Full PDB file with SEQRES, HELIX, SHEET, SSBOND, CRYST1, ORIGX, SCALE, CONECT and MASTER records, all heavy atoms in Angstrom:
SEQRES   1 A   44  TYR ASN GLY GLU ASN ILE ASP ALA GLY ALA ARG HIS LYS          
SEQRES   2 A   44  VAL ILE PHE GLN ILE GLU ASP GLN PRO LYS ALA VAL SER          
SEQRES   3 A   44  GLN LYS PHE ALA ARG ILE GLN ASN GLU LEU ARG LYS ALA          
SEQRES   4 A   44  ILE SER GLU ASP ASP                                          
HELIX    1 AA1 GLN A   27  SER A   41  1                                  15    
CRYST1    1.000    1.000    1.000  90.00  90.00  90.00 P 1           1          
ORIGX1      1.000000  0.000000  0.000000        0.00000                         
ORIGX2      0.000000  1.000000  0.000000        0.00000                         
ORIGX3      0.000000  0.000000  1.000000        0.00000                         
SCALE1      1.000000  0.000000  0.000000        0.00000                         
SCALE2      0.000000  1.000000  0.000000        0.00000                         
SCALE3      0.000000  0.000000  1.000000        0.00000                         
ATOM      1  N   TYR A   1     143.860-115.161   1.943  1.00  0.00           N  
ATOM      2  CA  TYR A   1     143.210-116.425   1.962  1.00  0.00           C  
ATOM      3  C   TYR A   1     142.529-116.601   3.322  1.00  0.00           C  
ATOM      4  O   TYR A   1     143.169-116.468   4.359  1.00  0.00           O  
ATOM      5  CB  TYR A   1     144.183-117.565   1.677  1.00  0.00           C  
ATOM      6  CG  TYR A   1     143.558-118.939   1.699  1.00  0.00           C  
ATOM      7  CD1 TYR A   1     142.586-119.239   0.770  1.00  0.00           C  
ATOM      8  CD2 TYR A   1     143.953-119.906   2.586  1.00  0.00           C  
ATOM      9  CE1 TYR A   1     142.003-120.528   0.748  1.00  0.00           C  
ATOM     10  CE2 TYR A   1     143.378-121.161   2.587  1.00  0.00           C  
ATOM     11  CZ  TYR A   1     142.390-121.455   1.695  1.00  0.00           C  
ATOM     12  OH  TYR A   1     141.816-122.707   1.663  1.00  0.00           O  
ATOM     13  N   ASN A   2     141.222-116.827   3.319  1.00  0.00           N  
ATOM     14  CA  ASN A   2     140.417-116.917   4.577  1.00  0.00           C  
ATOM     15  C   ASN A   2     140.633-115.669   5.436  1.00  0.00           C  
ATOM     16  O   ASN A   2     140.748-115.751   6.670  1.00  0.00           O  
ATOM     17  CB  ASN A   2     140.823-118.145   5.342  1.00  0.00           C  
ATOM     18  CG  ASN A   2     140.244-119.400   4.745  1.00  0.00           C  
ATOM     19  OD1 ASN A   2     139.307-119.358   3.930  1.00  0.00           O  
ATOM     20  ND2 ASN A   2     140.789-120.588   5.086  1.00  0.00           N  
ATOM     21  N   GLY A   3     140.740-114.495   4.774  1.00  0.00           N  
ATOM     22  CA  GLY A   3     140.833-113.263   5.504  1.00  0.00           C  
ATOM     23  C   GLY A   3     142.238-112.930   6.001  1.00  0.00           C  
ATOM     24  O   GLY A   3     142.442-111.854   6.589  1.00  0.00           O  
ATOM     25  N   GLU A   4     143.248-113.789   5.749  1.00  0.00           N  
ATOM     26  CA  GLU A   4     144.593-113.545   6.182  1.00  0.00           C  
ATOM     27  C   GLU A   4     145.482-113.176   5.007  1.00  0.00           C  
ATOM     28  O   GLU A   4     145.384-113.789   3.936  1.00  0.00           O  
ATOM     29  CB  GLU A   4     145.159-114.800   6.865  1.00  0.00           C  
ATOM     30  CG  GLU A   4     144.431-115.279   8.103  1.00  0.00           C  
ATOM     31  CD  GLU A   4     144.624-114.305   9.270  1.00  0.00           C  
ATOM     32  OE1 GLU A   4     145.692-113.665   9.317  1.00  0.00           O  
ATOM     33  OE2 GLU A   4     143.722-114.165  10.134  1.00  0.00           O  
ATOM     34  N   ASN A   5     146.360-112.160   5.206  1.00  0.00           N  
ATOM     35  CA  ASN A   5     147.321-111.805   4.189  1.00  0.00           C  
ATOM     36  C   ASN A   5     148.347-112.949   3.997  1.00  0.00           C  
ATOM     37  O   ASN A   5     148.782-113.540   4.974  1.00  0.00           O  
ATOM     38  CB  ASN A   5     148.039-110.519   4.539  1.00  0.00           C  
ATOM     39  CG  ASN A   5     147.113-109.323   4.496  1.00  0.00           C  
ATOM     40  OD1 ASN A   5     146.022-109.387   3.982  1.00  0.00           O  
ATOM     41  ND2 ASN A   5     147.550-108.222   5.115  1.00  0.00           N  
ATOM     42  N   ILE A   6     148.669-113.228   2.746  1.00  0.00           N  
ATOM     43  CA  ILE A   6     149.615-114.311   2.464  1.00  0.00           C  
ATOM     44  C   ILE A   6     150.664-113.865   1.448  1.00  0.00           C  
ATOM     45  O   ILE A   6     150.497-112.829   0.778  1.00  0.00           O  
ATOM     46  CB  ILE A   6     148.878-115.557   1.883  1.00  0.00           C  
ATOM     47  CG1 ILE A   6     148.142-115.168   0.581  1.00  0.00           C  
ATOM     48  CG2 ILE A   6     147.919-116.141   2.909  1.00  0.00           C  
ATOM     49  CD1 ILE A   6     147.556-116.370  -0.144  1.00  0.00           C  
ATOM     50  N   ASP A   7     151.800-114.595   1.396  1.00  0.00           N  
ATOM     51  CA  ASP A   7     152.810-114.312   0.390  1.00  0.00           C  
ATOM     52  C   ASP A   7     152.234-114.648  -1.007  1.00  0.00           C  
ATOM     53  O   ASP A   7     151.546-115.650  -1.181  1.00  0.00           O  
ATOM     54  CB  ASP A   7     154.058-115.152   0.626  1.00  0.00           C  
ATOM     55  CG  ASP A   7     154.805-114.698   1.883  1.00  0.00           C  
ATOM     56  OD1 ASP A   7     154.621-113.550   2.243  1.00  0.00           O  
ATOM     57  OD2 ASP A   7     155.547-115.510   2.447  1.00  0.00           O  
ATOM     58  N   ALA A   8     152.553-113.846  -1.986  1.00  0.00           N  
ATOM     59  CA  ALA A   8     152.068-114.113  -3.311  1.00  0.00           C  
ATOM     60  C   ALA A   8     152.969-113.366  -4.309  1.00  0.00           C  
ATOM     61  O   ALA A   8     153.723-112.484  -3.930  1.00  0.00           O  
ATOM     62  CB  ALA A   8     150.645-113.656  -3.502  1.00  0.00           C  
ATOM     63  N   GLY A   9     152.911-113.772  -5.569  1.00  0.00           N  
ATOM     64  CA  GLY A   9     153.668-113.120  -6.622  1.00  0.00           C  
ATOM     65  C   GLY A   9     152.744-112.657  -7.723  1.00  0.00           C  
ATOM     66  O   GLY A   9     151.556-113.026  -7.759  1.00  0.00           O  
ATOM     67  N   ALA A  10     153.258-111.852  -8.594  1.00  0.00           N  
ATOM     68  CA  ALA A  10     152.491-111.369  -9.756  1.00  0.00           C  
ATOM     69  C   ALA A  10     153.417-111.285 -10.937  1.00  0.00           C  
ATOM     70  O   ALA A  10     154.593-111.060 -10.814  1.00  0.00           O  
ATOM     71  CB  ALA A  10     151.850-109.988  -9.427  1.00  0.00           C  
ATOM     72  N   ARG A  11     152.850-111.496 -12.121  1.00  0.00           N  
ATOM     73  CA  ARG A  11     153.616-111.435 -13.372  1.00  0.00           C  
ATOM     74  C   ARG A  11     153.008-110.378 -14.276  1.00  0.00           C  
ATOM     75  O   ARG A  11     151.775-110.338 -14.413  1.00  0.00           O  
ATOM     76  CB  ARG A  11     153.616-112.790 -14.076  1.00  0.00           C  
ATOM     77  CG  ARG A  11     154.360-112.794 -15.380  1.00  0.00           C  
ATOM     78  CD  ARG A  11     154.338-114.153 -16.015  1.00  0.00           C  
ATOM     79  NE  ARG A  11     155.141-115.090 -15.257  1.00  0.00           N  
ATOM     80  CZ  ARG A  11     155.296-116.394 -15.586  1.00  0.00           C  
ATOM     81  NH1 ARG A  11     154.717-116.836 -16.656  1.00  0.00           N  
ATOM     82  NH2 ARG A  11     156.012-117.180 -14.824  1.00  0.00           N  
ATOM     83  N   HIS A  12     153.827-109.554 -14.854  1.00  0.00           N  
ATOM     84  CA  HIS A  12     153.334-108.522 -15.766  1.00  0.00           C  
ATOM     85  C   HIS A  12     154.341-108.300 -16.866  1.00  0.00           C  
ATOM     86  O   HIS A  12     155.536-108.193 -16.608  1.00  0.00           O  
ATOM     87  CB  HIS A  12     153.095-107.229 -15.004  1.00  0.00           C  
ATOM     88  CG  HIS A  12     152.376-106.161 -15.807  1.00  0.00           C  
ATOM     89  ND1 HIS A  12     150.993-106.116 -15.959  1.00  0.00           N  
ATOM     90  CD2 HIS A  12     152.870-105.154 -16.546  1.00  0.00           C  
ATOM     91  CE1 HIS A  12     150.660-105.071 -16.730  1.00  0.00           C  
ATOM     92  NE2 HIS A  12     151.787-104.489 -17.101  1.00  0.00           N  
ATOM     93  N   LYS A  13     153.839-108.228 -18.109  1.00  0.00           N  
ATOM     94  CA  LYS A  13     154.729-107.973 -19.216  1.00  0.00           C  
ATOM     95  C   LYS A  13     154.813-106.447 -19.477  1.00  0.00           C  
ATOM     96  O   LYS A  13     153.777-105.757 -19.587  1.00  0.00           O  
ATOM     97  CB  LYS A  13     154.177-108.640 -20.505  1.00  0.00           C  
ATOM     98  CG  LYS A  13     155.061-108.416 -21.730  1.00  0.00           C  
ATOM     99  CD  LYS A  13     154.397-108.913 -22.994  1.00  0.00           C  
ATOM    100  CE  LYS A  13     154.360-110.426 -23.050  1.00  0.00           C  
ATOM    101  NZ  LYS A  13     153.843-110.913 -24.344  1.00  0.00           N  
ATOM    102  N   VAL A  14     156.015-105.920 -19.501  1.00  0.00           N  
ATOM    103  CA  VAL A  14     156.238-104.521 -19.763  1.00  0.00           C  
ATOM    104  C   VAL A  14     156.709-104.395 -21.239  1.00  0.00           C  
ATOM    105  O   VAL A  14     157.700-105.001 -21.622  1.00  0.00           O  
ATOM    106  CB  VAL A  14     157.313-103.919 -18.839  1.00  0.00           C  
ATOM    107  CG1 VAL A  14     157.536-102.431 -19.190  1.00  0.00           C  
ATOM    108  CG2 VAL A  14     156.901-104.047 -17.390  1.00  0.00           C  
ATOM    109  N   ILE A  15     155.936-103.663 -22.051  1.00  0.00           N  
ATOM    110  CA  ILE A  15     156.203-103.568 -23.493  1.00  0.00           C  
ATOM    111  C   ILE A  15     156.797-102.191 -23.773  1.00  0.00           C  
ATOM    112  O   ILE A  15     156.309-101.156 -23.365  1.00  0.00           O  
ATOM    113  CB  ILE A  15     154.930-103.730 -24.292  1.00  0.00           C  
ATOM    114  CG1 ILE A  15     154.360-105.136 -24.018  1.00  0.00           C  
ATOM    115  CG2 ILE A  15     155.189-103.509 -25.782  1.00  0.00           C  
ATOM    116  CD1 ILE A  15     153.005-105.354 -24.671  1.00  0.00           C  
ATOM    117  N   PHE A  16     157.955-102.197 -24.467  1.00  0.00           N  
ATOM    118  CA  PHE A  16     158.584-100.969 -24.925  1.00  0.00           C  
ATOM    119  C   PHE A  16     158.340-100.766 -26.431  1.00  0.00           C  
ATOM    120  O   PHE A  16     158.600-101.685 -27.216  1.00  0.00           O  
ATOM    121  CB  PHE A  16     160.116-101.047 -24.692  1.00  0.00           C  
ATOM    122  CG  PHE A  16     160.476-101.090 -23.242  1.00  0.00           C  
ATOM    123  CD1 PHE A  16     160.528-102.336 -22.580  1.00  0.00           C  
ATOM    124  CD2 PHE A  16     160.717 -99.952 -22.497  1.00  0.00           C  
ATOM    125  CE1 PHE A  16     160.855-102.415 -21.195  1.00  0.00           C  
ATOM    126  CE2 PHE A  16     161.037-100.021 -21.154  1.00  0.00           C  
ATOM    127  CZ  PHE A  16     161.124-101.235 -20.515  1.00  0.00           C  
ATOM    128  N   GLN A  17     157.815 -99.652 -26.777  1.00  0.00           N  
ATOM    129  CA  GLN A  17     157.512 -99.347 -28.174  1.00  0.00           C  
ATOM    130  C   GLN A  17     158.197 -98.051 -28.560  1.00  0.00           C  
ATOM    131  O   GLN A  17     157.900 -97.001 -27.976  1.00  0.00           O  
ATOM    132  CB  GLN A  17     156.011 -99.197 -28.358  1.00  0.00           C  
ATOM    133  CG  GLN A  17     155.554 -98.817 -29.747  1.00  0.00           C  
ATOM    134  CD  GLN A  17     155.752 -99.955 -30.728  1.00  0.00           C  
ATOM    135  OE1 GLN A  17     155.395-101.069 -30.455  1.00  0.00           O  
ATOM    136  NE2 GLN A  17     156.377 -99.664 -31.860  1.00  0.00           N  
ATOM    137  N   ILE A  18     159.071 -98.116 -29.558  1.00  0.00           N  
ATOM    138  CA  ILE A  18     159.746 -96.920 -30.029  1.00  0.00           C  
ATOM    139  C   ILE A  18     158.740 -96.120 -30.819  1.00  0.00           C  
ATOM    140  O   ILE A  18     158.022 -96.640 -31.697  1.00  0.00           O  
ATOM    141  CB  ILE A  18     160.953 -97.291 -30.906  1.00  0.00           C  
ATOM    142  CG1 ILE A  18     161.974 -98.042 -30.035  1.00  0.00           C  
ATOM    143  CG2 ILE A  18     161.596 -96.044 -31.489  1.00  0.00           C  
ATOM    144  CD1 ILE A  18     163.138 -98.614 -30.806  1.00  0.00           C  
ATOM    145  N   GLU A  19     158.670 -94.839 -30.544  1.00  0.00           N  
ATOM    146  CA  GLU A  19     157.698 -93.973 -31.220  1.00  0.00           C  
ATOM    147  C   GLU A  19     157.897 -93.977 -32.722  1.00  0.00           C  
ATOM    148  O   GLU A  19     159.031 -93.922 -33.237  1.00  0.00           O  
ATOM    149  CB  GLU A  19     157.864 -92.529 -30.709  1.00  0.00           C  
ATOM    150  CG  GLU A  19     156.715 -91.618 -31.072  1.00  0.00           C  
ATOM    151  CD  GLU A  19     156.808 -90.240 -30.393  1.00  0.00           C  
ATOM    152  OE1 GLU A  19     157.656 -90.094 -29.487  1.00  0.00           O  
ATOM    153  OE2 GLU A  19     155.995 -89.387 -30.777  1.00  0.00           O  
ATOM    154  N   ASP A  20     156.787 -94.105 -33.484  1.00  0.00           N  
ATOM    155  CA  ASP A  20     156.767 -94.107 -34.936  1.00  0.00           C  
ATOM    156  C   ASP A  20     157.456 -95.308 -35.536  1.00  0.00           C  
ATOM    157  O   ASP A  20     157.729 -95.342 -36.742  1.00  0.00           O  
ATOM    158  CB  ASP A  20     157.399 -92.824 -35.511  1.00  0.00           C  
ATOM    159  CG  ASP A  20     156.646 -91.565 -35.060  1.00  0.00           C  
ATOM    160  OD1 ASP A  20     155.396 -91.647 -34.904  1.00  0.00           O  
ATOM    161  OD2 ASP A  20     157.298 -90.542 -34.890  1.00  0.00           O  
ATOM    162  N   GLN A  21     157.771 -96.325 -34.764  1.00  0.00           N  
ATOM    163  CA  GLN A  21     158.368 -97.539 -35.306  1.00  0.00           C  
ATOM    164  C   GLN A  21     157.333 -98.338 -36.043  1.00  0.00           C  
ATOM    165  O   GLN A  21     156.234 -98.550 -35.525  1.00  0.00           O  
ATOM    166  CB  GLN A  21     158.959 -98.400 -34.145  1.00  0.00           C  
ATOM    167  CG  GLN A  21     159.538 -99.734 -34.624  1.00  0.00           C  
ATOM    168  CD  GLN A  21     159.886-100.577 -33.444  1.00  0.00           C  
ATOM    169  OE1 GLN A  21     160.423-100.106 -32.471  1.00  0.00           O  
ATOM    170  NE2 GLN A  21     159.590-101.866 -33.540  1.00  0.00           N  
ATOM    171  N   PRO A  22     157.619 -98.842 -37.255  1.00  0.00           N  
ATOM    172  CA  PRO A  22     156.650 -99.648 -37.960  1.00  0.00           C  
ATOM    173  C   PRO A  22     156.258-100.920 -37.181  1.00  0.00           C  
ATOM    174  O   PRO A  22     157.146-101.572 -36.644  1.00  0.00           O  
ATOM    175  CB  PRO A  22     157.382-100.027 -39.275  1.00  0.00           C  
ATOM    176  CG  PRO A  22     158.483 -99.023 -39.415  1.00  0.00           C  
ATOM    177  CD  PRO A  22     158.856 -98.648 -38.000  1.00  0.00           C  
ATOM    178  N   LYS A  23     154.979-101.215 -37.182  1.00  0.00           N  
ATOM    179  CA  LYS A  23     154.504-102.406 -36.465  1.00  0.00           C  
ATOM    180  C   LYS A  23     154.396-103.582 -37.391  1.00  0.00           C  
ATOM    181  O   LYS A  23     153.349-104.180 -37.596  1.00  0.00           O  
ATOM    182  CB  LYS A  23     153.184-102.082 -35.775  1.00  0.00           C  
ATOM    183  CG  LYS A  23     153.279-101.019 -34.718  1.00  0.00           C  
ATOM    184  CD  LYS A  23     151.961-100.829 -33.983  1.00  0.00           C  
ATOM    185  CE  LYS A  23     152.134 -99.778 -32.825  1.00  0.00           C  
ATOM    186  NZ  LYS A  23     150.879 -99.576 -32.128  1.00  0.00           N  
ATOM    187  N   ALA A  24     155.496-103.835 -38.063  1.00  0.00           N  
ATOM    188  CA  ALA A  24     155.570-104.905 -39.034  1.00  0.00           C  
ATOM    189  C   ALA A  24     157.001-105.224 -39.339  1.00  0.00           C  
ATOM    190  O   ALA A  24     157.932-104.574 -38.881  1.00  0.00           O  
ATOM    191  CB  ALA A  24     154.793-104.515 -40.325  1.00  0.00           C  
ATOM    192  N   VAL A  25     157.263-106.248 -40.171  1.00  0.00           N  
ATOM    193  CA  VAL A  25     158.624-106.591 -40.571  1.00  0.00           C  
ATOM    194  C   VAL A  25     159.029-105.694 -41.735  1.00  0.00           C  
ATOM    195  O   VAL A  25     158.177-105.116 -42.407  1.00  0.00           O  
ATOM    196  CB  VAL A  25     158.723-108.064 -40.939  1.00  0.00           C  
ATOM    197  CG1 VAL A  25     158.310-108.954 -39.800  1.00  0.00           C  
ATOM    198  CG2 VAL A  25     157.870-108.402 -42.155  1.00  0.00           C  
ATOM    199  N   SER A  26     160.303-105.631 -42.002  1.00  0.00           N  
ATOM    200  CA  SER A  26     160.780-104.859 -43.126  1.00  0.00           C  
ATOM    201  C   SER A  26     160.485-105.588 -44.438  1.00  0.00           C  
ATOM    202  O   SER A  26     160.180-106.786 -44.461  1.00  0.00           O  
ATOM    203  CB  SER A  26     162.285-104.670 -43.009  1.00  0.00           C  
ATOM    204  OG  SER A  26     162.977-105.915 -43.221  1.00  0.00           O  
ATOM    205  N   GLN A  27     160.521-104.830 -45.531  1.00  0.00           N  
ATOM    206  CA  GLN A  27     160.244-105.405 -46.835  1.00  0.00           C  
ATOM    207  C   GLN A  27     161.280-106.493 -47.165  1.00  0.00           C  
ATOM    208  O   GLN A  27     160.945-107.538 -47.757  1.00  0.00           O  
ATOM    209  CB  GLN A  27     160.280-104.319 -47.919  1.00  0.00           C  
ATOM    210  CG  GLN A  27     159.094-103.382 -47.824  1.00  0.00           C  
ATOM    211  CD  GLN A  27     159.081-102.353 -48.949  1.00  0.00           C  
ATOM    212  OE1 GLN A  27     160.088-102.217 -49.707  1.00  0.00           O  
ATOM    213  NE2 GLN A  27     158.003-101.640 -49.091  1.00  0.00           N  
ATOM    214  N   LYS A  28     162.549-106.258 -46.807  1.00  0.00           N  
ATOM    215  CA  LYS A  28     163.585-107.246 -47.092  1.00  0.00           C  
ATOM    216  C   LYS A  28     163.324-108.540 -46.272  1.00  0.00           C  
ATOM    217  O   LYS A  28     163.469-109.650 -46.838  1.00  0.00           O  
ATOM    218  CB  LYS A  28     164.957-106.668 -46.706  1.00  0.00           C  
ATOM    219  CG  LYS A  28     166.116-107.614 -47.001  1.00  0.00           C  
ATOM    220  CD  LYS A  28     167.448-106.965 -46.680  1.00  0.00           C  
ATOM    221  CE  LYS A  28     168.599-107.936 -46.999  1.00  0.00           C  
ATOM    222  NZ  LYS A  28     169.910-107.355 -46.620  1.00  0.00           N  
ATOM    223  N   PHE A  29     162.928-108.357 -45.035  1.00  0.00           N  
ATOM    224  CA  PHE A  29     162.584-109.534 -44.206  1.00  0.00           C  
ATOM    225  C   PHE A  29     161.439-110.317 -44.871  1.00  0.00           C  
ATOM    226  O   PHE A  29     161.516-111.563 -44.920  1.00  0.00           O  
ATOM    227  CB  PHE A  29     162.178-109.052 -42.787  1.00  0.00           C  
ATOM    228  CG  PHE A  29     162.086-110.130 -41.776  1.00  0.00           C  
ATOM    229  CD1 PHE A  29     163.109-110.364 -40.896  1.00  0.00           C  
ATOM    230  CD2 PHE A  29     160.921-110.920 -41.692  1.00  0.00           C  
ATOM    231  CE1 PHE A  29     162.980-111.340 -39.899  1.00  0.00           C  
ATOM    232  CE2 PHE A  29     160.830-111.888 -40.729  1.00  0.00           C  
ATOM    233  CZ  PHE A  29     161.862-112.139 -39.850  1.00  0.00           C  
ATOM    234  N   ALA A  30     160.405-109.629 -45.334  1.00  0.00           N  
ATOM    235  CA  ALA A  30     159.278-110.300 -45.956  1.00  0.00           C  
ATOM    236  C   ALA A  30     159.683-111.031 -47.205  1.00  0.00           C  
ATOM    237  O   ALA A  30     159.200-112.133 -47.494  1.00  0.00           O  
ATOM    238  CB  ALA A  30     158.183-109.280 -46.250  1.00  0.00           C  
ATOM    239  N   ARG A  31     160.596-110.442 -48.011  1.00  0.00           N  
ATOM    240  CA  ARG A  31     161.071-111.123 -49.233  1.00  0.00           C  
ATOM    241  C   ARG A  31     161.785-112.432 -48.911  1.00  0.00           C  
ATOM    242  O   ARG A  31     161.577-113.426 -49.580  1.00  0.00           O  
ATOM    243  CB  ARG A  31     161.986-110.181 -50.023  1.00  0.00           C  
ATOM    244  CG  ARG A  31     161.279-109.071 -50.766  1.00  0.00           C  
ATOM    245  CD  ARG A  31     162.136-108.457 -51.852  1.00  0.00           C  
ATOM    246  NE  ARG A  31     163.406-107.900 -51.285  1.00  0.00           N  
ATOM    247  CZ  ARG A  31     163.541-106.673 -50.883  1.00  0.00           C  
ATOM    248  NH1 ARG A  31     162.501-105.813 -50.922  1.00  0.00           N  
ATOM    249  NH2 ARG A  31     164.708-106.241 -50.399  1.00  0.00           N  
ATOM    250  N   ILE A  32     162.634-112.349 -47.903  1.00  0.00           N  
ATOM    251  CA  ILE A  32     163.361-113.593 -47.491  1.00  0.00           C  
ATOM    252  C   ILE A  32     162.379-114.657 -46.988  1.00  0.00           C  
ATOM    253  O   ILE A  32     162.522-115.855 -47.278  1.00  0.00           O  
ATOM    254  CB  ILE A  32     164.432-113.276 -46.432  1.00  0.00           C  
ATOM    255  CG1 ILE A  32     165.440-112.288 -46.968  1.00  0.00           C  
ATOM    256  CG2 ILE A  32     165.136-114.534 -45.993  1.00  0.00           C  
ATOM    257  CD1 ILE A  32     166.395-111.727 -45.898  1.00  0.00           C  
ATOM    258  N   GLN A  33     161.380-114.201 -46.240  1.00  0.00           N  
ATOM    259  CA  GLN A  33     160.356-115.145 -45.772  1.00  0.00           C  
ATOM    260  C   GLN A  33     159.675-115.876 -46.899  1.00  0.00           C  
ATOM    261  O   GLN A  33     159.475-117.104 -46.884  1.00  0.00           O  
ATOM    262  CB  GLN A  33     159.272-114.404 -44.958  1.00  0.00           C  
ATOM    263  CG  GLN A  33     159.514-114.333 -43.453  1.00  0.00           C  
ATOM    264  CD  GLN A  33     158.314-113.816 -42.754  1.00  0.00           C  
ATOM    265  OE1 GLN A  33     157.664-112.844 -43.206  1.00  0.00           O  
ATOM    266  NE2 GLN A  33     157.936-114.419 -41.611  1.00  0.00           N  
ATOM    267  N   ASN A  34     159.332-115.103 -47.948  1.00  0.00           N  
ATOM    268  CA  ASN A  34     158.655-115.715 -49.105  1.00  0.00           C  
ATOM    269  C   ASN A  34     159.550-116.749 -49.787  1.00  0.00           C  
ATOM    270  O   ASN A  34     159.113-117.787 -50.254  1.00  0.00           O  
ATOM    271  CB  ASN A  34     158.207-114.626 -50.071  1.00  0.00           C  
ATOM    272  CG  ASN A  34     157.067-113.815 -49.546  1.00  0.00           C  
ATOM    273  OD1 ASN A  34     156.290-114.290 -48.722  1.00  0.00           O  
ATOM    274  ND2 ASN A  34     156.948-112.553 -49.981  1.00  0.00           N  
ATOM    275  N   GLU A  35     160.855-116.394 -49.908  1.00  0.00           N  
ATOM    276  CA  GLU A  35     161.812-117.327 -50.552  1.00  0.00           C  
ATOM    277  C   GLU A  35     161.968-118.558 -49.676  1.00  0.00           C  
ATOM    278  O   GLU A  35     162.099-119.708 -50.194  1.00  0.00           O  
ATOM    279  CB  GLU A  35     163.166-116.621 -50.728  1.00  0.00           C  
ATOM    280  CG  GLU A  35     163.171-115.527 -51.755  1.00  0.00           C  
ATOM    281  CD  GLU A  35     162.836-116.046 -53.136  1.00  0.00           C  
ATOM    282  OE1 GLU A  35     163.171-117.213 -53.480  1.00  0.00           O  
ATOM    283  OE2 GLU A  35     162.268-115.254 -53.966  1.00  0.00           O  
ATOM    284  N   LEU A  36     161.913-118.382 -48.355  1.00  0.00           N  
ATOM    285  CA  LEU A  36     162.034-119.549 -47.467  1.00  0.00           C  
ATOM    286  C   LEU A  36     160.819-120.468 -47.677  1.00  0.00           C  
ATOM    287  O   LEU A  36     160.962-121.702 -47.759  1.00  0.00           O  
ATOM    288  CB  LEU A  36     162.118-119.084 -46.015  1.00  0.00           C  
ATOM    289  CG  LEU A  36     162.017-120.184 -44.922  1.00  0.00           C  
ATOM    290  CD1 LEU A  36     163.155-121.156 -45.039  1.00  0.00           C  
ATOM    291  CD2 LEU A  36     161.965-119.539 -43.545  1.00  0.00           C  
ATOM    292  N   ARG A  37     159.628-119.887 -47.706  1.00  0.00           N  
ATOM    293  CA  ARG A  37     158.420-120.715 -47.923  1.00  0.00           C  
ATOM    294  C   ARG A  37     158.493-121.476 -49.220  1.00  0.00           C  
ATOM    295  O   ARG A  37     158.070-122.642 -49.303  1.00  0.00           O  
ATOM    296  CB  ARG A  37     157.167-119.804 -47.877  1.00  0.00           C  
ATOM    297  CG  ARG A  37     156.847-119.258 -46.527  1.00  0.00           C  
ATOM    298  CD  ARG A  37     155.484-118.636 -46.427  1.00  0.00           C  
ATOM    299  NE  ARG A  37     155.252-118.127 -45.134  1.00  0.00           N  
ATOM    300  CZ  ARG A  37     155.313-116.838 -44.788  1.00  0.00           C  
ATOM    301  NH1 ARG A  37     155.619-115.918 -45.676  1.00  0.00           N  
ATOM    302  NH2 ARG A  37     155.056-116.453 -43.552  1.00  0.00           N  
ATOM    303  N   LYS A  38     159.000-120.848 -50.255  1.00  0.00           N  
ATOM    304  CA  LYS A  38     159.139-121.507 -51.558  1.00  0.00           C  
ATOM    305  C   LYS A  38     160.088-122.681 -51.448  1.00  0.00           C  
ATOM    306  O   LYS A  38     159.806-123.788 -51.974  1.00  0.00           O  
ATOM    307  CB  LYS A  38     159.633-120.491 -52.618  1.00  0.00           C  
ATOM    308  CG  LYS A  38     159.731-121.086 -53.995  1.00  0.00           C  
ATOM    309  CD  LYS A  38     160.199-120.019 -54.985  1.00  0.00           C  
ATOM    310  CE  LYS A  38     160.379-120.613 -56.405  1.00  0.00           C  
ATOM    311  NZ  LYS A  38     160.900-119.610 -57.344  1.00  0.00           N  
ATOM    312  N   ALA A  39     161.231-122.457 -50.784  1.00  0.00           N  
ATOM    313  CA  ALA A  39     162.218-123.565 -50.622  1.00  0.00           C  
ATOM    314  C   ALA A  39     161.614-124.712 -49.803  1.00  0.00           C  
ATOM    315  O   ALA A  39     161.862-125.881 -50.113  1.00  0.00           O  
ATOM    316  CB  ALA A  39     163.502-122.995 -49.948  1.00  0.00           C  
ATOM    317  N   ILE A  40     160.848-124.383 -48.797  1.00  0.00           N  
ATOM    318  CA  ILE A  40     160.216-125.438 -47.991  1.00  0.00           C  
ATOM    319  C   ILE A  40     159.217-126.221 -48.807  1.00  0.00           C  
ATOM    320  O   ILE A  40     159.171-127.468 -48.765  1.00  0.00           O  
ATOM    321  CB  ILE A  40     159.551-124.807 -46.720  1.00  0.00           C  
ATOM    322  CG1 ILE A  40     160.569-124.243 -45.750  1.00  0.00           C  
ATOM    323  CG2 ILE A  40     158.662-125.855 -46.013  1.00  0.00           C  
ATOM    324  CD1 ILE A  40     159.975-123.451 -44.623  1.00  0.00           C  
ATOM    325  N   SER A  41     158.422-125.529 -49.584  1.00  0.00           N  
ATOM    326  CA  SER A  41     157.419-126.197 -50.407  1.00  0.00           C  
ATOM    327  C   SER A  41     158.075-127.094 -51.449  1.00  0.00           C  
ATOM    328  O   SER A  41     157.459-128.105 -51.904  1.00  0.00           O  
ATOM    329  CB  SER A  41     156.481-125.175 -51.082  1.00  0.00           C  
ATOM    330  OG  SER A  41     157.208-124.400 -52.066  1.00  0.00           O  
ATOM    331  N   GLU A  42     159.281-126.761 -51.871  1.00  0.00           N  
ATOM    332  CA  GLU A  42     159.992-127.534 -52.880  1.00  0.00           C  
ATOM    333  C   GLU A  42     160.945-128.595 -52.246  1.00  0.00           C  
ATOM    334  O   GLU A  42     161.705-129.242 -52.942  1.00  0.00           O  
ATOM    335  CB  GLU A  42     160.807-126.612 -53.755  1.00  0.00           C  
ATOM    336  CG  GLU A  42     159.954-125.673 -54.614  1.00  0.00           C  
ATOM    337  CD  GLU A  42     160.769-124.654 -55.378  1.00  0.00           C  
ATOM    338  OE1 GLU A  42     161.986-124.492 -55.089  1.00  0.00           O  
ATOM    339  OE2 GLU A  42     160.192-123.950 -56.240  1.00  0.00           O  
ATOM    340  N   ASP A  43     160.867-128.743 -50.942  1.00  0.00           N  
ATOM    341  CA  ASP A  43     161.697-129.692 -50.183  1.00  0.00           C  
ATOM    342  C   ASP A  43     163.208-129.441 -50.421  1.00  0.00           C  
ATOM    343  O   ASP A  43     163.990-130.353 -50.400  1.00  0.00           O  
ATOM    344  CB  ASP A  43     161.373-131.158 -50.557  1.00  0.00           C  
ATOM    345  CG  ASP A  43     159.999-131.601 -50.064  1.00  0.00           C  
ATOM    346  OD1 ASP A  43     159.588-131.104 -49.011  1.00  0.00           O  
ATOM    347  OD2 ASP A  43     159.365-132.396 -50.729  1.00  0.00           O  
ATOM    348  N   ASP A  44     163.560-128.179 -50.613  1.00  0.00           N  
ATOM    349  CA  ASP A  44     164.975-127.813 -50.802  1.00  0.00           C  
ATOM    350  C   ASP A  44     165.556-127.356 -49.517  1.00  0.00           C  
ATOM    351  O   ASP A  44     165.564-126.177 -49.176  1.00  0.00           O  
ATOM    352  CB  ASP A  44     165.047-126.716 -51.868  1.00  0.00           C  
ATOM    353  CG  ASP A  44     166.478-126.473 -52.367  1.00  0.00           C  
ATOM    354  OD1 ASP A  44     167.385-126.824 -51.609  1.00  0.00           O  
ATOM    355  OD2 ASP A  44     166.640-125.969 -53.479  1.00  0.00           O  
TER     356      ASP A  44                                                      
MASTER        0    0    0    1    0    0    0    6  355    1    0    4          
END                                                                             
């Protein structure tokens, strides 16, 4: 700042990705999600 070095911080997200891991939810997870949406729509 104004040519002088100052204290500062930085933030960075480090992402870990398992090789060949599906980039989506499982089929079972998706089925439960659909059932949840149905229950919400029915106020149950």
